[in-house]
Amino acid sequence: MMSAFAVVYALTLVAVLFAAVTLIAAKLLRPRVEYARKLSTYECGIPAVGTTEVKLNIRFYVFALLFVLFDVETLYVYPWAVTAKSLGTPAIAEMGVFLAILFIGLAYAWAKGALQWE
């Protein structure tokens, strides 16, 4: 019998080999048609006009990051809420600390004006 780690290593090896073989086969079997229009930045046939750099306000990124942060935290709270009754009082106290930290972070972001949309 194989140990538990040997099974994990074997499956990891199979996954890496599968990915490598698939990528090598795709590179060898793909059609090699190269011409100037294909190598251009845009393949739609319309020439690029102007610069491709777009300056965005940092608030868009901060707002998106805060959304992702609190969305992921919701994913942690929901399973806990489903099993909260069976976890007992220590788990409720731990979740209270967790939610307090989240609330402090939200209050800090709000105070800094990160949630104001202009």
C-alpha atoms as a PDB file:
ATOM      1  CA  MET A   1       0.000   0.000   0.000  1.00  0.00           C
ATOM      2  CA  MET A   2       1.068   3.524  -0.721  1.00  0.00           C
ATOM      3  CA  SER A   3       1.151   6.095   2.002  1.00  0.00           C
ATOM      4  CA  ALA A   4      -1.172   9.104   1.853  1.00  0.00           C
ATOM      5  CA  PHE A   5       1.638  11.410   0.748  1.00  0.00           C
ATOM      6  CA  ALA A   6       2.696   9.006  -2.015  1.00  0.00           C
ATOM      7  CA  VAL A   7      -0.812   9.184  -3.459  1.00  0.00           C
ATOM      8  CA  VAL A   8      -0.726  12.968  -3.377  1.00  0.00           C
ATOM      9  CA  TYR A   9       2.705  13.018  -5.033  1.00  0.00           C
ATOM     10  CA  ALA A  10       1.579  10.548  -7.691  1.00  0.00           C
ATOM     11  CA  LEU A  11      -1.529  12.586  -8.511  1.00  0.00           C
ATOM     12  CA  THR A  12       0.546  15.778  -8.621  1.00  0.00           C
ATOM     13  CA  LEU A  13       2.991  14.119 -10.999  1.00  0.00           C
ATOM     14  CA  VAL A  14       0.146  12.924 -13.230  1.00  0.00           C
ATOM     15  CA  ALA A  15      -1.365  16.425 -13.277  1.00  0.00           C
ATOM     16  CA  VAL A  16       1.950  18.093 -14.164  1.00  0.00           C
ATOM     17  CA  LEU A  17       2.718  15.528 -16.851  1.00  0.00           C
ATOM     18  CA  PHE A  18      -0.774  15.872 -18.323  1.00  0.00           C
ATOM     19  CA  ALA A  19      -0.428  19.654 -18.477  1.00  0.00           C
ATOM     20  CA  ALA A  20       3.056  19.454 -20.013  1.00  0.00           C
ATOM     21  CA  VAL A  21       2.080  16.867 -22.618  1.00  0.00           C
ATOM     22  CA  THR A  22      -1.048  18.826 -23.547  1.00  0.00           C
ATOM     23  CA  LEU A  23       0.849  22.105 -23.959  1.00  0.00           C
ATOM     24  CA  ILE A  24       3.642  20.477 -25.988  1.00  0.00           C
ATOM     25  CA  ALA A  25       1.139  18.684 -28.226  1.00  0.00           C
ATOM     26  CA  ALA A  26      -0.783  21.924 -28.779  1.00  0.00           C
ATOM     27  CA  LYS A  27       2.429  23.731 -29.775  1.00  0.00           C
ATOM     28  CA  LEU A  28       3.472  20.968 -32.161  1.00  0.00           C
ATOM     29  CA  LEU A  29       0.060  20.454 -33.761  1.00  0.00           C
ATOM     30  CA  ARG A  30      -1.101  24.068 -34.137  1.00  0.00           C
ATOM     31  CA  PRO A  31      -1.209  25.647 -37.590  1.00  0.00           C
ATOM     32  CA  ARG A  32       1.755  27.921 -38.284  1.00  0.00           C
ATOM     33  CA  VAL A  33       0.309  30.738 -40.356  1.00  0.00           C
ATOM     34  CA  GLU A  34       2.141  33.952 -39.639  1.00  0.00           C
ATOM     35  CA  TYR A  35       1.637  37.180 -41.513  1.00  0.00           C
ATOM     36  CA  ALA A  36       1.832  40.853 -40.640  1.00  0.00           C
ATOM     37  CA  ARG A  37      -1.852  41.372 -39.866  1.00  0.00           C
ATOM     38  CA  LYS A  38      -1.908  38.323 -37.603  1.00  0.00           C
ATOM     39  CA  LEU A  39       1.081  39.639 -35.657  1.00  0.00           C
ATOM     40  CA  SER A  40      -0.425  43.089 -35.160  1.00  0.00           C
ATOM     41  CA  THR A  41      -1.803  44.192 -31.813  1.00  0.00           C
ATOM     42  CA  TYR A  42      -5.442  43.922 -32.851  1.00  0.00           C
ATOM     43  CA  GLU A  43      -6.762  41.271 -35.214  1.00  0.00           C
ATOM     44  CA  CYS A  44     -10.050  43.008 -35.945  1.00  0.00           C
ATOM     45  CA  GLY A  45      -8.640  44.821 -38.994  1.00  0.00           C
ATOM     46  CA  ILE A  46      -8.997  48.324 -37.588  1.00  0.00           C
ATOM     47  CA  PRO A  47      -5.648  50.043 -37.030  1.00  0.00           C
ATOM     48  CA  ALA A  48      -4.959  51.189 -33.494  1.00  0.00           C
ATOM     49  CA  VAL A  49      -5.367  54.925 -32.983  1.00  0.00           C
ATOM     50  CA  GLY A  50      -3.701  56.713 -30.098  1.00  0.00           C
ATOM     51  CA  THR A  51      -2.130  55.197 -27.055  1.00  0.00           C
ATOM     52  CA  THR A  52      -3.311  52.017 -25.392  1.00  0.00           C
ATOM     53  CA  GLU A  53      -2.594  53.351 -21.910  1.00  0.00           C
ATOM     54  CA  VAL A  54      -5.712  54.367 -20.030  1.00  0.00           C
ATOM     55  CA  LYS A  55      -5.293  56.346 -16.835  1.00  0.00           C
ATOM     56  CA  LEU A  56      -7.824  55.267 -14.244  1.00  0.00           C
ATOM     57  CA  ASN A  57      -8.380  56.753 -10.851  1.00  0.00           C
ATOM     58  CA  ILE A  58      -6.950  54.640  -8.022  1.00  0.00           C
ATOM     59  CA  ARG A  59     -10.342  54.766  -6.292  1.00  0.00           C
ATOM     60  CA  PHE A  60     -11.704  52.240  -8.792  1.00  0.00           C
ATOM     61  CA  TYR A  61      -9.076  49.735  -7.671  1.00  0.00           C
ATOM     62  CA  VAL A  62      -9.547  50.473  -3.977  1.00  0.00           C
ATOM     63  CA  PHE A  63     -13.321  50.124  -4.278  1.00  0.00           C
ATOM     64  CA  ALA A  64     -12.973  46.832  -6.174  1.00  0.00           C
ATOM     65  CA  LEU A  65     -10.459  45.528  -3.642  1.00  0.00           C
ATOM     66  CA  LEU A  66     -12.738  46.391  -0.738  1.00  0.00           C
ATOM     67  CA  PHE A  67     -15.637  44.673  -2.491  1.00  0.00           C
ATOM     68  CA  VAL A  68     -13.612  41.501  -3.033  1.00  0.00           C
ATOM     69  CA  LEU A  69     -12.365  41.593   0.557  1.00  0.00           C
ATOM     70  CA  PHE A  70     -15.814  41.841   2.111  1.00  0.00           C
ATOM     71  CA  ASP A  71     -17.290  39.417  -0.419  1.00  0.00           C
ATOM     72  CA  VAL A  72     -14.722  36.768   0.512  1.00  0.00           C
ATOM     73  CA  GLU A  73     -15.311  37.425   4.196  1.00  0.00           C
ATOM     74  CA  THR A  74     -18.995  36.721   3.612  1.00  0.00           C
ATOM     75  CA  LEU A  75     -17.938  33.318   2.292  1.00  0.00           C
ATOM     76  CA  TYR A  76     -16.263  32.662   5.641  1.00  0.00           C
ATOM     77  CA  VAL A  77     -19.196  33.842   7.735  1.00  0.00           C
ATOM     78  CA  TYR A  78     -21.959  31.915   5.933  1.00  0.00           C
ATOM     79  CA  PRO A  79     -20.751  28.342   6.659  1.00  0.00           C
ATOM     80  CA  TRP A  80     -20.028  29.361  10.239  1.00  0.00           C
ATOM     81  CA  ALA A  81     -23.582  30.714  10.619  1.00  0.00           C
ATOM     82  CA  VAL A  82     -25.000  27.412   9.392  1.00  0.00           C
ATOM     83  CA  THR A  83     -23.102  25.444  12.058  1.00  0.00           C
ATOM     84  CA  ALA A  84     -22.961  28.083  14.819  1.00  0.00           C
ATOM     85  CA  LYS A  85     -25.368  26.270  17.105  1.00  0.00           C
ATOM     86  CA  SER A  86     -23.235  23.127  17.244  1.00  0.00           C
ATOM     87  CA  LEU A  87     -19.924  24.999  17.606  1.00  0.00           C
ATOM     88  CA  GLY A  88     -20.669  26.488  20.990  1.00  0.00           C
ATOM     89  CA  THR A  89     -19.825  29.679  22.834  1.00  0.00           C
ATOM     90  CA  PRO A  90     -16.067  29.881  22.012  1.00  0.00           C
ATOM     91  CA  ALA A  91     -16.818  29.864  18.295  1.00  0.00           C
ATOM     92  CA  ILE A  92     -19.366  32.639  18.742  1.00  0.00           C
ATOM     93  CA  ALA A  93     -16.770  34.719  20.618  1.00  0.00           C
ATOM     94  CA  GLU A  94     -14.166  34.077  17.920  1.00  0.00           C
ATOM     95  CA  MET A  95     -16.600  35.129  15.200  1.00  0.00           C
ATOM     96  CA  GLY A  96     -17.392  38.250  17.210  1.00  0.00           C
ATOM     97  CA  VAL A  97     -13.694  39.166  17.218  1.00  0.00           C
ATOM     98  CA  PHE A  98     -13.470  38.411  13.495  1.00  0.00           C
ATOM     99  CA  LEU A  99     -16.481  40.583  12.690  1.00  0.00           C
ATOM    100  CA  ALA A 100     -15.182  43.358  14.966  1.00  0.00           C
ATOM    101  CA  ILE A 101     -11.919  43.425  13.002  1.00  0.00           C
ATOM    102  CA  LEU A 102     -13.907  43.592   9.765  1.00  0.00           C
ATOM    103  CA  PHE A 103     -16.048  46.392  11.140  1.00  0.00           C
ATOM    104  CA  ILE A 104     -12.967  48.353  12.225  1.00  0.00           C
ATOM    105  CA  GLY A 105     -11.521  47.936   8.721  1.00  0.00           C
ATOM    106  CA  LEU A 106     -14.769  49.117   7.167  1.00  0.00           C
ATOM    107  CA  ALA A 107     -14.932  52.118   9.507  1.00  0.00           C
ATOM    108  CA  TYR A 108     -11.321  52.994   8.638  1.00  0.00           C
ATOM    109  CA  ALA A 109     -12.009  52.786   4.891  1.00  0.00           C
ATOM    110  CA  TRP A 110     -15.141  54.872   5.341  1.00  0.00           C
ATOM    111  CA  ALA A 111     -13.270  57.496   7.374  1.00  0.00           C
ATOM    112  CA  LYS A 112     -10.544  57.704   4.716  1.00  0.00           C
ATOM    113  CA  GLY A 113     -13.201  58.297   2.040  1.00  0.00           C
ATOM    114  CA  ALA A 114     -12.497  55.077   0.146  1.00  0.00           C
ATOM    115  CA  LEU A 115     -16.216  54.360  -0.213  1.00  0.00           C
ATOM    116  CA  GLN A 116     -17.154  57.758  -1.650  1.00  0.00           C
ATOM    117  CA  TRP A 117     -17.977  57.577  -5.335  1.00  0.00           C
ATOM    118  CA  GLU A 118     -17.477  60.801  -7.260  1.00  0.00           C
END
